[in-house]
Amino acid sequence: MPMVEAVMSAAALDYAALDGVAATIGPGSFTGVRVGLAAARGLALAAGVPLVGVTTLETLATSVPAAEREGRTVLAVLDARRGQVYAQMFDADNEPLGPPEVTPPAAVVAWLRPCPVALVGSGAPLVAHLFADIGHPHFETSVAPYPDAAQVAARAAALVAAAGGFAALPRGPVAPLYLRGPGAGGLAETRS
């Protein structure tokens, strides 16, 4: 929240100037997704504005410059730890080619299409060598390995515009996207 205050101050804006709040919904660390989304919900509620949720994978994929996407599929892939990645494939126009999944890195080889692949995200090095081993054309994009706030805001703005405005977005709470259960050190978290 101090960072939000600093950004609002630097922009010389107060919360009444907000049209909406955007936040990633996952996949990502269980606690990080919960805390981030709870903070965004509180901020949106306090400001009386809608909350728009975007996935980390779609944010990464849509951040890839058009020149790097052209003629390629985009594989957004994050290191999920425990020998797994969060991954989702997109076409050159940023349309998903399947749902987001948590999977061992080697499993994404089965997703390959005949065209080259643009890799984006912290998990790119975990799959790049697999593509090299089978001779499939690929490269790691110029995009940073994690989504940043500007990318999240741009993706949310694109979704709002495509829907025809905030009023046309689906109603209801923005829910986290968990692709696997919570855990720490391999042990499942319990709830009472």
C-alpha atoms as a PDB file:
ATOM      1  CA  MET A   1       0.000   0.000   0.000  1.00  0.00           C
ATOM      2  CA  PRO A   2       2.882   2.462   0.536  1.00  0.00           C
ATOM      3  CA  MET A   3       3.831   1.902  -3.118  1.00  0.00           C
ATOM      4  CA  VAL A   4       0.256   2.703  -4.209  1.00  0.00           C
ATOM      5  CA  GLU A   5       0.387   5.885  -2.130  1.00  0.00           C
ATOM      6  CA  ALA A   6       3.721   6.832  -3.694  1.00  0.00           C
ATOM      7  CA  VAL A   7       2.419   6.274  -7.232  1.00  0.00           C
ATOM      8  CA  MET A   8      -0.751   8.267  -6.589  1.00  0.00           C
ATOM      9  CA  SER A   9       1.322  11.073  -5.088  1.00  0.00           C
ATOM     10  CA  ALA A  10       3.811  11.083  -7.976  1.00  0.00           C
ATOM     11  CA  ALA A  11       0.916  11.221 -10.447  1.00  0.00           C
ATOM     12  CA  ALA A  12      -0.677  14.042  -8.424  1.00  0.00           C
ATOM     13  CA  LEU A  13      -3.962  12.112  -8.336  1.00  0.00           C
ATOM     14  CA  ASP A  14      -6.374  11.311  -5.575  1.00  0.00           C
ATOM     15  CA  TYR A  15      -8.438   8.132  -5.421  1.00  0.00           C
ATOM     16  CA  ALA A  16     -11.538   9.932  -6.749  1.00  0.00           C
ATOM     17  CA  ALA A  17      -9.734  10.229 -10.104  1.00  0.00           C
ATOM     18  CA  LEU A  18      -9.601   6.440 -10.571  1.00  0.00           C
ATOM     19  CA  ASP A  19     -11.875   4.849 -13.174  1.00  0.00           C
ATOM     20  CA  GLY A  20     -10.979   1.332 -12.093  1.00  0.00           C
ATOM     21  CA  VAL A  21      -8.358  -0.863 -10.461  1.00  0.00           C
ATOM     22  CA  ALA A  22      -6.498  -3.652 -12.250  1.00  0.00           C
ATOM     23  CA  ALA A  23      -4.749  -6.597 -10.631  1.00  0.00           C
ATOM     24  CA  THR A  24      -3.290  -9.922 -11.615  1.00  0.00           C
ATOM     25  CA  ILE A  25      -5.305 -12.908 -10.453  1.00  0.00           C
ATOM     26  CA  GLY A  26      -2.622 -15.534 -10.956  1.00  0.00           C
ATOM     27  CA  PRO A  27      -1.242 -17.963 -11.568  1.00  0.00           C
ATOM     28  CA  GLY A  28       1.547 -17.190  -9.174  1.00  0.00           C
ATOM     29  CA  SER A  29       2.507 -17.748  -5.581  1.00  0.00           C
ATOM     30  CA  PHE A  30      -0.530 -18.655  -3.514  1.00  0.00           C
ATOM     31  CA  THR A  31       0.077 -16.038  -0.825  1.00  0.00           C
ATOM     32  CA  GLY A  32       1.134 -13.356  -3.324  1.00  0.00           C
ATOM     33  CA  VAL A  33      -2.048 -13.796  -5.353  1.00  0.00           C
ATOM     34  CA  ARG A  34      -4.215 -13.719  -2.199  1.00  0.00           C
ATOM     35  CA  VAL A  35      -2.569 -10.633  -0.725  1.00  0.00           C
ATOM     36  CA  GLY A  36      -2.380  -8.717  -4.010  1.00  0.00           C
ATOM     37  CA  LEU A  37      -5.969  -9.412  -4.960  1.00  0.00           C
ATOM     38  CA  ALA A  38      -7.234  -8.580  -1.456  1.00  0.00           C
ATOM     39  CA  ALA A  39      -5.404  -5.234  -1.568  1.00  0.00           C
ATOM     40  CA  ALA A  40      -6.819  -4.478  -5.020  1.00  0.00           C
ATOM     41  CA  ARG A  41     -10.342  -5.414  -3.892  1.00  0.00           C
ATOM     42  CA  GLY A  42     -10.042  -3.118  -0.879  1.00  0.00           C
ATOM     43  CA  LEU A  43      -8.732  -0.266  -2.988  1.00  0.00           C
ATOM     44  CA  ALA A  44     -11.504  -0.662  -5.581  1.00  0.00           C
ATOM     45  CA  LEU A  45     -14.168  -0.875  -2.891  1.00  0.00           C
ATOM     46  CA  ALA A  46     -12.861   2.184  -1.044  1.00  0.00           C
ATOM     47  CA  ALA A  47     -12.638   4.184  -4.293  1.00  0.00           C
ATOM     48  CA  GLY A  48     -16.042   2.932  -5.479  1.00  0.00           C
ATOM     49  CA  VAL A  49     -14.654   1.711  -8.807  1.00  0.00           C
ATOM     50  CA  PRO A  50     -14.657  -1.637 -10.630  1.00  0.00           C
ATOM     51  CA  LEU A  51     -11.871  -4.177 -10.246  1.00  0.00           C
ATOM     52  CA  VAL A  52     -10.545  -5.836 -13.404  1.00  0.00           C
ATOM     53  CA  GLY A  53      -8.595  -9.056 -13.053  1.00  0.00           C
ATOM     54  CA  VAL A  54      -6.069 -10.274 -15.619  1.00  0.00           C
ATOM     55  CA  THR A  55      -3.934 -13.379 -15.552  1.00  0.00           C
ATOM     56  CA  THR A  56      -0.181 -13.153 -15.292  1.00  0.00           C
ATOM     57  CA  LEU A  57       0.167 -15.321 -18.403  1.00  0.00           C
ATOM     58  CA  GLU A  58      -2.116 -13.218 -20.624  1.00  0.00           C
ATOM     59  CA  THR A  59      -0.390 -10.080 -19.358  1.00  0.00           C
ATOM     60  CA  LEU A  60       3.006 -11.461 -20.332  1.00  0.00           C
ATOM     61  CA  ALA A  61       1.792 -12.685 -23.738  1.00  0.00           C
ATOM     62  CA  THR A  62       0.122  -9.417 -24.664  1.00  0.00           C
ATOM     63  CA  SER A  63       3.257  -7.528 -23.612  1.00  0.00           C
ATOM     64  CA  VAL A  64       5.310  -9.146 -26.370  1.00  0.00           C
ATOM     65  CA  PRO A  65       5.866  -6.539 -29.121  1.00  0.00           C
ATOM     66  CA  ALA A  66       3.984  -7.179 -32.384  1.00  0.00           C
ATOM     67  CA  ALA A  67       7.244  -7.620 -34.314  1.00  0.00           C
ATOM     68  CA  GLU A  68       8.271 -10.448 -31.980  1.00  0.00           C
ATOM     69  CA  ARG A  69       4.846 -12.147 -32.216  1.00  0.00           C
ATOM     70  CA  GLU A  70       4.509 -11.985 -36.020  1.00  0.00           C
ATOM     71  CA  GLY A  71       4.434 -15.449 -37.567  1.00  0.00           C
ATOM     72  CA  ARG A  72       4.893 -17.125 -34.199  1.00  0.00           C
ATOM     73  CA  THR A  73       2.964 -18.591 -31.350  1.00  0.00           C
ATOM     74  CA  VAL A  74       3.698 -17.077 -27.959  1.00  0.00           C
ATOM     75  CA  LEU A  75       4.346 -19.309 -24.976  1.00  0.00           C
ATOM     76  CA  ALA A  76       3.904 -17.452 -21.699  1.00  0.00           C
ATOM     77  CA  VAL A  77       5.613 -19.537 -19.053  1.00  0.00           C
ATOM     78  CA  LEU A  78       6.365 -18.872 -15.389  1.00  0.00           C
ATOM     79  CA  ASP A  79       8.537 -20.959 -13.107  1.00  0.00           C
ATOM     80  CA  ALA A  80       6.034 -22.560 -10.715  1.00  0.00           C
ATOM     81  CA  ARG A  81       8.786 -24.268  -8.691  1.00  0.00           C
ATOM     82  CA  ARG A  82       8.590 -27.916  -7.641  1.00  0.00           C
ATOM     83  CA  GLY A  83       9.627 -28.985 -11.169  1.00  0.00           C
ATOM     84  CA  GLN A  84       6.602 -27.325 -12.792  1.00  0.00           C
ATOM     85  CA  VAL A  85       5.733 -24.292 -14.880  1.00  0.00           C
ATOM     86  CA  TYR A  86       2.577 -22.261 -15.302  1.00  0.00           C
ATOM     87  CA  ALA A  87       2.105 -22.038 -19.053  1.00  0.00           C
ATOM     88  CA  GLN A  88      -0.310 -20.957 -21.744  1.00  0.00           C
ATOM     89  CA  MET A  89       0.063 -20.735 -25.521  1.00  0.00           C
ATOM     90  CA  PHE A  90      -1.258 -17.775 -27.546  1.00  0.00           C
ATOM     91  CA  ASP A  91      -1.421 -17.096 -31.279  1.00  0.00           C
ATOM     92  CA  ALA A  92       0.231 -14.068 -32.903  1.00  0.00           C
ATOM     93  CA  ASP A  93      -2.972 -12.050 -32.304  1.00  0.00           C
ATOM     94  CA  ASN A  94      -2.888 -12.782 -28.546  1.00  0.00           C
ATOM     95  CA  GLU A  95      -5.771 -15.252 -28.669  1.00  0.00           C
ATOM     96  CA  PRO A  96      -5.342 -18.162 -26.235  1.00  0.00           C
ATOM     97  CA  LEU A  97      -4.729 -21.530 -27.895  1.00  0.00           C
ATOM     98  CA  GLY A  98      -5.645 -23.402 -24.730  1.00  0.00           C
ATOM     99  CA  PRO A  99      -6.237 -22.821 -21.032  1.00  0.00           C
ATOM    100  CA  PRO A 100      -3.500 -21.939 -18.559  1.00  0.00           C
ATOM    101  CA  GLU A 101      -1.964 -25.053 -17.030  1.00  0.00           C
ATOM    102  CA  VAL A 102       0.531 -26.125 -14.398  1.00  0.00           C
ATOM    103  CA  THR A 103       2.729 -28.814 -15.887  1.00  0.00           C
ATOM    104  CA  PRO A 104       6.237 -30.218 -15.985  1.00  0.00           C
ATOM    105  CA  PRO A 105       8.314 -28.191 -18.482  1.00  0.00           C
ATOM    106  CA  ALA A 106       8.754 -31.186 -20.810  1.00  0.00           C
ATOM    107  CA  ALA A 107       4.971 -31.449 -21.306  1.00  0.00           C
ATOM    108  CA  VAL A 108       4.786 -28.141 -23.200  1.00  0.00           C
ATOM    109  CA  VAL A 109       6.640 -29.740 -26.123  1.00  0.00           C
ATOM    110  CA  ALA A 110       3.351 -31.486 -26.985  1.00  0.00           C
ATOM    111  CA  TRP A 111       1.716 -28.064 -27.419  1.00  0.00           C
ATOM    112  CA  LEU A 112       4.028 -27.060 -30.268  1.00  0.00           C
ATOM    113  CA  ARG A 113       2.616 -26.013 -33.615  1.00  0.00           C
ATOM    114  CA  PRO A 114       4.526 -25.861 -36.886  1.00  0.00           C
ATOM    115  CA  CYS A 115       5.464 -22.186 -36.475  1.00  0.00           C
ATOM    116  CA  PRO A 116       8.307 -20.748 -34.372  1.00  0.00           C
ATOM    117  CA  VAL A 117       7.715 -19.943 -30.703  1.00  0.00           C
ATOM    118  CA  ALA A 118       8.321 -16.666 -28.865  1.00  0.00           C
ATOM    119  CA  LEU A 119       9.020 -17.450 -25.205  1.00  0.00           C
ATOM    120  CA  VAL A 120       8.147 -14.970 -22.473  1.00  0.00           C
ATOM    121  CA  GLY A 121       8.310 -15.242 -18.693  1.00  0.00           C
ATOM    122  CA  SER A 122      10.538 -16.503 -15.913  1.00  0.00           C
ATOM    123  CA  GLY A 123      10.050 -20.094 -17.060  1.00  0.00           C
ATOM    124  CA  ALA A 124      11.382 -19.453 -20.585  1.00  0.00           C
ATOM    125  CA  PRO A 125      14.861 -20.858 -19.787  1.00  0.00           C
ATOM    126  CA  LEU A 126      13.224 -23.994 -18.375  1.00  0.00           C
ATOM    127  CA  VAL A 127      11.634 -24.848 -21.740  1.00  0.00           C
ATOM    128  CA  ALA A 128      14.019 -23.212 -24.252  1.00  0.00           C
ATOM    129  CA  HIS A 129      16.542 -26.050 -24.028  1.00  0.00           C
ATOM    130  CA  LEU A 130      13.753 -28.576 -24.681  1.00  0.00           C
ATOM    131  CA  PHE A 131      12.852 -26.809 -27.929  1.00  0.00           C
ATOM    132  CA  ALA A 132      16.549 -26.637 -28.852  1.00  0.00           C
ATOM    133  CA  ASP A 133      16.905 -30.382 -28.216  1.00  0.00           C
ATOM    134  CA  ILE A 134      14.212 -31.157 -30.813  1.00  0.00           C
ATOM    135  CA  GLY A 135      15.294 -28.409 -33.210  1.00  0.00           C
ATOM    136  CA  HIS A 136      12.097 -26.368 -32.928  1.00  0.00           C
ATOM    137  CA  PRO A 137      12.643 -22.677 -33.785  1.00  0.00           C
ATOM    138  CA  HIS A 138      12.206 -20.433 -30.762  1.00  0.00           C
ATOM    139  CA  PHE A 139      13.609 -17.365 -29.064  1.00  0.00           C
ATOM    140  CA  GLU A 140      13.237 -15.575 -25.759  1.00  0.00           C
ATOM    141  CA  THR A 141      11.463 -12.232 -26.173  1.00  0.00           C
ATOM    142  CA  SER A 142      12.660  -8.833 -25.013  1.00  0.00           C
ATOM    143  CA  VAL A 143       9.904  -8.658 -22.368  1.00  0.00           C
ATOM    144  CA  ALA A 144      10.848  -8.744 -18.670  1.00  0.00           C
ATOM    145  CA  PRO A 145      10.237 -12.155 -17.043  1.00  0.00           C
ATOM    146  CA  TYR A 146       7.381 -10.954 -14.795  1.00  0.00           C
ATOM    147  CA  PRO A 147       4.440  -8.653 -15.548  1.00  0.00           C
ATOM    148  CA  ASP A 148       4.787  -5.103 -14.310  1.00  0.00           C
ATOM    149  CA  ALA A 149       2.041  -2.684 -13.279  1.00  0.00           C
ATOM    150  CA  ALA A 150       2.040  -0.855 -16.629  1.00  0.00           C
ATOM    151  CA  GLN A 151       1.521  -4.135 -18.506  1.00  0.00           C
ATOM    152  CA  VAL A 152      -1.303  -5.140 -16.154  1.00  0.00           C
ATOM    153  CA  ALA A 153      -2.989  -1.755 -16.624  1.00  0.00           C
ATOM    154  CA  ALA A 154      -2.608  -1.951 -20.423  1.00  0.00           C
ATOM    155  CA  ARG A 155      -4.122  -5.445 -20.550  1.00  0.00           C
ATOM    156  CA  ALA A 156      -7.013  -4.428 -18.284  1.00  0.00           C
ATOM    157  CA  ALA A 157      -7.660  -1.310 -20.395  1.00  0.00           C
ATOM    158  CA  ALA A 158      -7.749  -3.460 -23.536  1.00  0.00           C
ATOM    159  CA  LEU A 159     -10.283  -5.823 -21.917  1.00  0.00           C
ATOM    160  CA  VAL A 160     -12.455  -2.905 -20.790  1.00  0.00           C
ATOM    161  CA  ALA A 161     -12.334  -1.350 -24.280  1.00  0.00           C
ATOM    162  CA  ALA A 162     -13.135  -4.688 -25.978  1.00  0.00           C
ATOM    163  CA  ALA A 163     -16.117  -5.162 -23.648  1.00  0.00           C
ATOM    164  CA  GLY A 164     -17.421  -1.678 -24.432  1.00  0.00           C
ATOM    165  CA  GLY A 165     -16.688  -0.173 -21.016  1.00  0.00           C
ATOM    166  CA  PHE A 166     -16.672  -1.128 -17.365  1.00  0.00           C
ATOM    167  CA  ALA A 167     -20.454  -1.599 -17.270  1.00  0.00           C
ATOM    168  CA  ALA A 168     -20.212  -4.388 -19.863  1.00  0.00           C
ATOM    169  CA  LEU A 169     -17.720  -6.439 -17.839  1.00  0.00           C
ATOM    170  CA  PRO A 170     -18.991  -9.529 -16.028  1.00  0.00           C
ATOM    171  CA  ARG A 171     -20.477  -8.779 -12.600  1.00  0.00           C
ATOM    172  CA  GLY A 172     -19.326 -10.402  -9.420  1.00  0.00           C
ATOM    173  CA  PRO A 173     -16.103 -10.616  -7.485  1.00  0.00           C
ATOM    174  CA  VAL A 174     -12.797 -11.080  -9.271  1.00  0.00           C
ATOM    175  CA  ALA A 175     -11.570 -14.522  -8.260  1.00  0.00           C
ATOM    176  CA  PRO A 176      -7.992 -15.770  -8.000  1.00  0.00           C
ATOM    177  CA  LEU A 177      -6.732 -18.291 -10.544  1.00  0.00           C
ATOM    178  CA  TYR A 178      -5.057 -21.145  -8.687  1.00  0.00           C
ATOM    179  CA  LEU A 179      -3.757 -23.932 -10.903  1.00  0.00           C
ATOM    180  CA  ARG A 180      -2.641 -26.076  -7.984  1.00  0.00           C
ATOM    181  CA  GLY A 181      -3.439 -26.232  -4.309  1.00  0.00           C
ATOM    182  CA  PRO A 182      -1.653 -24.143  -1.710  1.00  0.00           C
ATOM    183  CA  GLY A 183       1.458 -25.512  -0.146  1.00  0.00           C
ATOM    184  CA  ALA A 184       4.722 -24.661   1.512  1.00  0.00           C
ATOM    185  CA  GLY A 185       7.732 -26.889   1.265  1.00  0.00           C
ATOM    186  CA  GLY A 186       5.581 -29.568  -0.327  1.00  0.00           C
ATOM    187  CA  LEU A 187       3.085 -29.626   2.532  1.00  0.00           C
ATOM    188  CA  ALA A 188      -0.505 -28.628   1.863  1.00  0.00           C
ATOM    189  CA  GLU A 189      -1.866 -25.668   3.764  1.00  0.00           C
ATOM    190  CA  THR A 190      -4.870 -26.418   5.941  1.00  0.00           C
ATOM    191  CA  ARG A 191      -7.820 -24.178   6.630  1.00  0.00           C
ATOM    192  CA  SER A 192     -10.023 -24.190   9.700  1.00  0.00           C
END
